[in-house]
């Protein structure tokens, strides 16, 4: 996924529903890691739970 779009999603500047359908939403390994950390920080997930949720 484009890093700028990914960051906008994490920051809440754009909603997932507003992403154009033809956008490649496959996350890189680094983005998956960032998303897991975000889940830990925002929702209090354990890293293991976040990993199983994202993978």
PDB file of N, CA and C in Angstrom:
ATOM      1  N   UNK A   1       0.849  -1.171   0.000  1.00  0.00           N
ATOM      2  CA  UNK A   1       0.000   0.000   0.000  1.00  0.00           C
ATOM      3  C   UNK A   1       0.894   1.233   0.000  1.00  0.00           C
ATOM      4  N   UNK A   2       0.457   2.215  -0.682  1.00  0.00           N
ATOM      5  CA  UNK A   2       1.155   3.497  -0.701  1.00  0.00           C
ATOM      6  C   UNK A   2       1.323   3.985   0.732  1.00  0.00           C
ATOM      7  N   UNK A   3       2.542   4.371   1.105  1.00  0.00           N
ATOM      8  CA  UNK A   3       2.834   4.758   2.486  1.00  0.00           C
ATOM      9  C   UNK A   3       2.031   5.985   2.919  1.00  0.00           C
ATOM     10  N   UNK A   4       1.831   6.931   2.028  1.00  0.00           N
ATOM     11  CA  UNK A   4       1.064   8.136   2.375  1.00  0.00           C
ATOM     12  C   UNK A   4      -0.384   7.758   2.692  1.00  0.00           C
ATOM     13  N   UNK A   5      -0.974   6.914   1.870  1.00  0.00           N
ATOM     14  CA  UNK A   5      -2.342   6.458   2.108  1.00  0.00           C
ATOM     15  C   UNK A   5      -2.422   5.673   3.412  1.00  0.00           C
ATOM     16  N   UNK A   6      -1.453   4.817   3.647  1.00  0.00           N
ATOM     17  CA  UNK A   6      -1.414   4.029   4.874  1.00  0.00           C
ATOM     18  C   UNK A   6      -1.374   4.937   6.099  1.00  0.00           C
ATOM     19  N   UNK A   7      -0.525   5.947   6.077  1.00  0.00           N
ATOM     20  CA  UNK A   7      -0.418   6.876   7.202  1.00  0.00           C
ATOM     21  C   UNK A   7      -1.717   7.657   7.395  1.00  0.00           C
ATOM     22  N   UNK A   8      -2.371   8.038   6.292  1.00  0.00           N
ATOM     23  CA  UNK A   8      -3.647   8.750   6.402  1.00  0.00           C
ATOM     24  C   UNK A   8      -4.706   7.875   7.051  1.00  0.00           C
ATOM     25  N   UNK A   9      -4.703   6.582   6.722  1.00  0.00           N
ATOM     26  CA  UNK A   9      -5.643   5.658   7.346  1.00  0.00           C
ATOM     27  C   UNK A   9      -5.378   5.539   8.847  1.00  0.00           C
ATOM     28  N   UNK A  10      -4.110   5.382   9.219  1.00  0.00           N
ATOM     29  CA  UNK A  10      -3.767   5.259  10.633  1.00  0.00           C
ATOM     30  C   UNK A  10      -4.119   6.508  11.425  1.00  0.00           C
ATOM     31  N   UNK A  11      -3.920   7.664  10.814  1.00  0.00           N
ATOM     32  CA  UNK A  11      -4.190   8.934  11.496  1.00  0.00           C
ATOM     33  C   UNK A  11      -5.669   9.300  11.499  1.00  0.00           C
ATOM     34  N   UNK A  12      -6.458   8.562  10.740  1.00  0.00           N
ATOM     35  CA  UNK A  12      -7.889   8.847  10.679  1.00  0.00           C
ATOM     36  C   UNK A  12      -8.251   9.957   9.721  1.00  0.00           C
ATOM     37  N   UNK A  13      -7.316  10.347   8.845  1.00  0.00           N
ATOM     38  CA  UNK A  13      -7.586  11.412   7.884  1.00  0.00           C
ATOM     39  C   UNK A  13      -8.405  10.929   6.696  1.00  0.00           C
ATOM     40  N   UNK A  14      -8.474   9.616   6.520  1.00  0.00           N
ATOM     41  CA  UNK A  14      -9.265   9.023   5.448  1.00  0.00           C
ATOM     42  C   UNK A  14      -9.848   7.730   6.005  1.00  0.00           C
ATOM     43  N   UNK A  15     -11.041   7.417   5.591  1.00  0.00           N
ATOM     44  CA  UNK A  15     -11.699   6.182   6.031  1.00  0.00           C
ATOM     45  C   UNK A  15     -11.459   5.090   4.994  1.00  0.00           C
ATOM     46  N   UNK A  16     -11.388   3.863   5.462  1.00  0.00           N
ATOM     47  CA  UNK A  16     -11.160   2.723   4.574  1.00  0.00           C
ATOM     48  C   UNK A  16     -12.194   2.689   3.441  1.00  0.00           C
ATOM     49  N   UNK A  17     -13.441   3.027   3.751  1.00  0.00           N
ATOM     50  CA  UNK A  17     -14.519   3.009   2.763  1.00  0.00           C
ATOM     51  C   UNK A  17     -14.282   4.021   1.640  1.00  0.00           C
ATOM     52  N   UNK A  18     -13.465   5.044   1.898  1.00  0.00           N
ATOM     53  CA  UNK A  18     -13.212   6.093   0.908  1.00  0.00           C
ATOM     54  C   UNK A  18     -12.026   5.790   0.000  1.00  0.00           C
ATOM     55  N   UNK A  19     -11.327   4.680   0.247  1.00  0.00           N
ATOM     56  CA  UNK A  19     -10.195   4.297  -0.587  1.00  0.00           C
ATOM     57  C   UNK A  19     -10.744   3.779  -1.915  1.00  0.00           C
ATOM     58  N   UNK A  20     -10.263   4.307  -3.055  1.00  0.00           N
ATOM     59  CA  UNK A  20     -10.761   3.835  -4.360  1.00  0.00           C
ATOM     60  C   UNK A  20     -10.599   2.318  -4.506  1.00  0.00           C
ATOM     61  N   UNK A  21     -11.577   1.686  -5.157  1.00  0.00           N
ATOM     62  CA  UNK A  21     -11.597   0.236  -5.279  1.00  0.00           C
ATOM     63  C   UNK A  21     -10.369  -0.346  -5.964  1.00  0.00           C
ATOM     64  N   UNK A  22      -9.774   0.381  -6.892  1.00  0.00           N
ATOM     65  CA  UNK A  22      -8.627  -0.154  -7.635  1.00  0.00           C
ATOM     66  C   UNK A  22      -7.291   0.046  -6.915  1.00  0.00           C
ATOM     67  N   UNK A  23      -7.326   0.504  -5.671  1.00  0.00           N
ATOM     68  CA  UNK A  23      -6.115   0.733  -4.884  1.00  0.00           C
ATOM     69  C   UNK A  23      -5.562  -0.600  -4.379  1.00  0.00           C
ATOM     70  N   UNK A  24      -4.270  -0.792  -4.539  1.00  0.00           N
ATOM     71  CA  UNK A  24      -3.608  -1.976  -3.987  1.00  0.00           C
ATOM     72  C   UNK A  24      -3.511  -1.785  -2.481  1.00  0.00           C
ATOM     73  N   UNK A  25      -4.245  -2.605  -1.730  1.00  0.00           N
ATOM     74  CA  UNK A  25      -4.261  -2.440  -0.276  1.00  0.00           C
ATOM     75  C   UNK A  25      -3.404  -3.481   0.429  1.00  0.00           C
ATOM     76  N   UNK A  26      -2.588  -4.204  -0.318  1.00  0.00           N
ATOM     77  CA  UNK A  26      -1.683  -5.170   0.290  1.00  0.00           C
ATOM     78  C   UNK A  26      -0.647  -4.424   1.127  1.00  0.00           C
ATOM     79  N   UNK A  27      -0.529  -4.802   2.388  1.00  0.00           N
ATOM     80  CA  UNK A  27       0.409  -4.139   3.289  1.00  0.00           C
ATOM     81  C   UNK A  27       1.797  -4.761   3.163  1.00  0.00           C
ATOM     82  N   UNK A  28       2.806  -3.918   3.277  1.00  0.00           N
ATOM     83  CA  UNK A  28       4.171  -4.421   3.349  1.00  0.00           C
ATOM     84  C   UNK A  28       4.393  -4.978   4.754  1.00  0.00           C
ATOM     85  N   UNK A  29       5.466  -5.713   4.949  1.00  0.00           N
ATOM     86  CA  UNK A  29       5.772  -6.240   6.280  1.00  0.00           C
ATOM     87  C   UNK A  29       5.923  -5.120   7.300  1.00  0.00           C
ATOM     88  N   UNK A  30       6.559  -4.032   6.880  1.00  0.00           N
ATOM     89  CA  UNK A  30       6.742  -2.882   7.785  1.00  0.00           C
ATOM     90  C   UNK A  30       5.387  -2.262   8.148  1.00  0.00           C
ATOM     91  N   UNK A  31       4.493  -2.156   7.168  1.00  0.00           N
ATOM     92  CA  UNK A  31       3.174  -1.593   7.434  1.00  0.00           C
ATOM     93  C   UNK A  31       2.361  -2.502   8.349  1.00  0.00           C
ATOM     94  N   UNK A  32       2.488  -3.814   8.183  1.00  0.00           N
ATOM     95  CA  UNK A  32       1.803  -4.745   9.082  1.00  0.00           C
ATOM     96  C   UNK A  32       2.280  -4.529  10.522  1.00  0.00           C
ATOM     97  N   UNK A  33       3.598  -4.373  10.669  1.00  0.00           N
ATOM     98  CA  UNK A  33       4.168  -4.133  11.994  1.00  0.00           C
ATOM     99  C   UNK A  33       3.620  -2.829  12.588  1.00  0.00           C
ATOM    100  N   UNK A  34       3.597  -1.765  11.779  1.00  0.00           N
ATOM    101  CA  UNK A  34       3.068  -0.477  12.229  1.00  0.00           C
ATOM    102  C   UNK A  34       1.601  -0.606  12.636  1.00  0.00           C
ATOM    103  N   UNK A  35       0.835  -1.374  11.862  1.00  0.00           N
ATOM    104  CA  UNK A  35      -0.586  -1.552  12.156  1.00  0.00           C
ATOM    105  C   UNK A  35      -0.756  -2.309  13.478  1.00  0.00           C
ATOM    106  N   UNK A  36       0.079  -3.327  13.703  1.00  0.00           N
ATOM    107  CA  UNK A  36       0.017  -4.060  14.966  1.00  0.00           C
ATOM    108  C   UNK A  36       0.307  -3.133  16.140  1.00  0.00           C
ATOM    109  N   UNK A  37       1.348  -2.307  16.012  1.00  0.00           N
ATOM    110  CA  UNK A  37       1.688  -1.369  17.087  1.00  0.00           C
ATOM    111  C   UNK A  37       0.546  -0.393  17.333  1.00  0.00           C
ATOM    112  N   UNK A  38      -0.117   0.021  16.262  1.00  0.00           N
ATOM    113  CA  UNK A  38      -1.253   0.928  16.377  1.00  0.00           C
ATOM    114  C   UNK A  38      -2.378   0.257  17.160  1.00  0.00           C
ATOM    115  N   UNK A  39      -2.660  -1.017  16.854  1.00  0.00           N
ATOM    116  CA  UNK A  39      -3.698  -1.746  17.581  1.00  0.00           C
ATOM    117  C   UNK A  39      -3.344  -1.884  19.062  1.00  0.00           C
ATOM    118  N   UNK A  40      -2.078  -2.111  19.348  1.00  0.00           N
ATOM    119  CA  UNK A  40      -1.621  -2.215  20.739  1.00  0.00           C
ATOM    120  C   UNK A  40      -1.840  -0.889  21.458  1.00  0.00           C
ATOM    121  N   UNK A  41      -1.440   0.198  20.801  1.00  0.00           N
ATOM    122  CA  UNK A  41      -1.533   1.527  21.421  1.00  0.00           C
ATOM    123  C   UNK A  41      -2.970   2.013  21.558  1.00  0.00           C
ATOM    124  N   UNK A  42      -3.744   1.911  20.496  1.00  0.00           N
ATOM    125  CA  UNK A  42      -5.085   2.494  20.487  1.00  0.00           C
ATOM    126  C   UNK A  42      -6.106   1.613  21.203  1.00  0.00           C
ATOM    127  N   UNK A  43      -6.034   0.308  20.972  1.00  0.00           N
ATOM    128  CA  UNK A  43      -7.059  -0.583  21.504  1.00  0.00           C
ATOM    129  C   UNK A  43      -6.586  -1.467  22.650  1.00  0.00           C
ATOM    130  N   UNK A  44      -5.305  -1.385  22.985  1.00  0.00           N
ATOM    131  CA  UNK A  44      -4.793  -2.157  24.104  1.00  0.00           C
ATOM    132  C   UNK A  44      -4.624  -3.641  23.813  1.00  0.00           C
ATOM    133  N   UNK A  45      -4.571  -3.994  22.530  1.00  0.00           N
ATOM    134  CA  UNK A  45      -4.332  -5.386  22.165  1.00  0.00           C
ATOM    135  C   UNK A  45      -2.951  -5.795  22.649  1.00  0.00           C
ATOM    136  N   UNK A  46      -2.757  -7.084  22.932  1.00  0.00           N
ATOM    137  CA  UNK A  46      -1.405  -7.568  23.106  1.00  0.00           C
ATOM    138  C   UNK A  46      -0.802  -7.659  21.705  1.00  0.00           C
ATOM    139  N   UNK A  47       0.519  -7.643  21.614  1.00  0.00           N
ATOM    140  CA  UNK A  47       1.134  -7.720  20.290  1.00  0.00           C
ATOM    141  C   UNK A  47       0.769  -9.041  19.621  1.00  0.00           C
ATOM    142  N   UNK A  48       0.695 -10.120  20.380  1.00  0.00           N
ATOM    143  CA  UNK A  48       0.324 -11.427  19.818  1.00  0.00           C
ATOM    144  C   UNK A  48      -1.079 -11.419  19.237  1.00  0.00           C
ATOM    145  N   UNK A  49      -2.013 -10.789  19.948  1.00  0.00           N
ATOM    146  CA  UNK A  49      -3.380 -10.694  19.451  1.00  0.00           C
ATOM    147  C   UNK A  49      -3.446  -9.831  18.195  1.00  0.00           C
ATOM    148  N   UNK A  50      -2.707  -8.729  18.212  1.00  0.00           N
ATOM    149  CA  UNK A  50      -2.678  -7.849  17.045  1.00  0.00           C
ATOM    150  C   UNK A  50      -2.063  -8.573  15.845  1.00  0.00           C
ATOM    151  N   UNK A  51      -1.028  -9.374  16.112  1.00  0.00           N
ATOM    152  CA  UNK A  51      -0.384 -10.125  15.027  1.00  0.00           C
ATOM    153  C   UNK A  51      -1.360 -11.124  14.422  1.00  0.00           C
ATOM    154  N   UNK A  52      -2.092 -11.844  15.225  1.00  0.00           N
ATOM    155  CA  UNK A  52      -3.047 -12.812  14.679  1.00  0.00           C
ATOM    156  C   UNK A  52      -4.191 -12.104  13.963  1.00  0.00           C
ATOM    157  N   UNK A  53      -4.557 -10.921  14.415  1.00  0.00           N
ATOM    158  CA  UNK A  53      -5.619 -10.152  13.782  1.00  0.00           C
ATOM    159  C   UNK A  53      -5.185  -9.634  12.415  1.00  0.00           C
ATOM    160  N   UNK A  54      -3.963  -9.140  12.300  1.00  0.00           N
ATOM    161  CA  UNK A  54      -3.466  -8.553  11.057  1.00  0.00           C
ATOM    162  C   UNK A  54      -3.040  -9.625  10.067  1.00  0.00           C
ATOM    163  N   UNK A  55      -2.416 -10.695  10.549  1.00  0.00           N
ATOM    164  CA  UNK A  55      -1.958 -11.752   9.630  1.00  0.00           C
ATOM    165  C   UNK A  55      -3.150 -12.571   9.210  1.00  0.00           C
TER     166      UNK A  55
END
